[in-house]
Amino acid sequence: MTVTTAQETIPDTTPAGPPAAPEPQPRPTRTLLPTTVIGSWSVPDWLERAKTGVHHGSVSRSQLADMHDMAVKAALKDQEVAGIDIVSDGELRRDNDIDYLLARVPGVEVRDAVKAFYFDYLDLHLPRPIPHPGAGPLGLVPDLEFTLAHTDRPVRFSVTGPFSLSRRLRCGGAAAYSERADLVRGLARVLNAEARALAAAGAQLLQIDEPLLAGHPEDVGLAVEAVNIVTEDVPVTWALHVCYGNRYARPLWEGHYDFLFPAVLDAAVDQLLLEFARKGDEDLQLIERHGWDRVLGVGVLDVKTPDVEAVDVIEKRIERALQVVPADRILVTPDCGLRHVPADAARAKLRAMTSAAAAVRDRIQKENT
């Protein structure tokens, strides 16, 4: 694991040799209070219809692939225009946070590949233990390479974590896993193999999302153990995002992040990304009390509403976090992904966020001169 500050990036370890043909690469950011997104981007209506159309035969998969390319390029441009420092592909190739990954896990069977609506979950079944995953078992490298080729900014590339994936997979009794913990560990090993392939393809920042962990706080120790299996010997900057769910812009659970601590202190990650806008900043005391000493992603945009926050409101949210965490260890983020926020509102929210971060950054720099 490489522990970094918010403005550091993984050093260039390309071996010396004959010059290769130039390829677009993400540029490192040295910005104080860098802005980033959690992962998902607003899904256009036409893409929703096309995704659903594939399941009903009105759109071919090759047509959908072309649409995905267009949508990802548009999402990157939207983020760049809004001033985001570290961008994502918007996860627009994925129907939801589970199917795209879990259906590719070796040994997983799709009982019915047709869905009434693209965002629904597939019926996924594991009849026997996961076989050795091999190299790049999930096939995500082309997605990463496409994203890197269409932006010059640092890229955040996310995968759903092994604990959350396990909650949507039915196992075939003792023939598969008698203990769900063993399933979680098996999924973690698959994700580790995929992460190695992504790192070899140029990933610099990989993120693990655990949206279902808040509903099972008693399993936080297992989830952290699995996170450490995922990150083992993969030399990138690692982020962990834990939220309270974001299904149709509604939280799945309520509560506080008490359940994460102190277990998350043992997670082999460099960044911890949490939601604070919708819930308020009460949980910042947990960061201070337990001594989180790495980068904190501070959620300052409520993604459960299309209402666009005023710049000065976001500034205050950032400044409250600065009372607990030094500026060089803060990432400014939305609470969660922007999938369910209308595109116009998503763009406006990001513009407000980058403006607020810039204003606070300017004040800090003036105070230090």
Foldseek 3Di string as FASTA:
>chain_A
DDADWPQDFFDDPDDDDPDDDDFQAADGGNAFQAAEEFEAAAADPVLQVQLLCCLVVPHPPVRNVVVLLVQQLVQVVLLVVLPHQEYESNCSVALEQADLQLVQQAQKDFPRPHDNGSNDDTQIEHAAAGDQQPAQSSPCLVVVSSNSRNDRHHYEAEHEALVQNLVRYHYNDVRHPVDSLVSSLSVLLNLLRNLQNNVVSRHAEYEYEHACCVVPLVCLLSRLVSLQSNCPPRPHAYEYEYEQDQDLLDGPDDDAPPSNPPNVVSRPHQEYEAEDQVPHDPNLVVCQVNVPPHAYEYAQARLSDLDADALVSSLVSVVVNCVRDPSRRYHYYHRHRNHNHPNVSVSRNSSSSVVSSVVNSVVVVVVVD
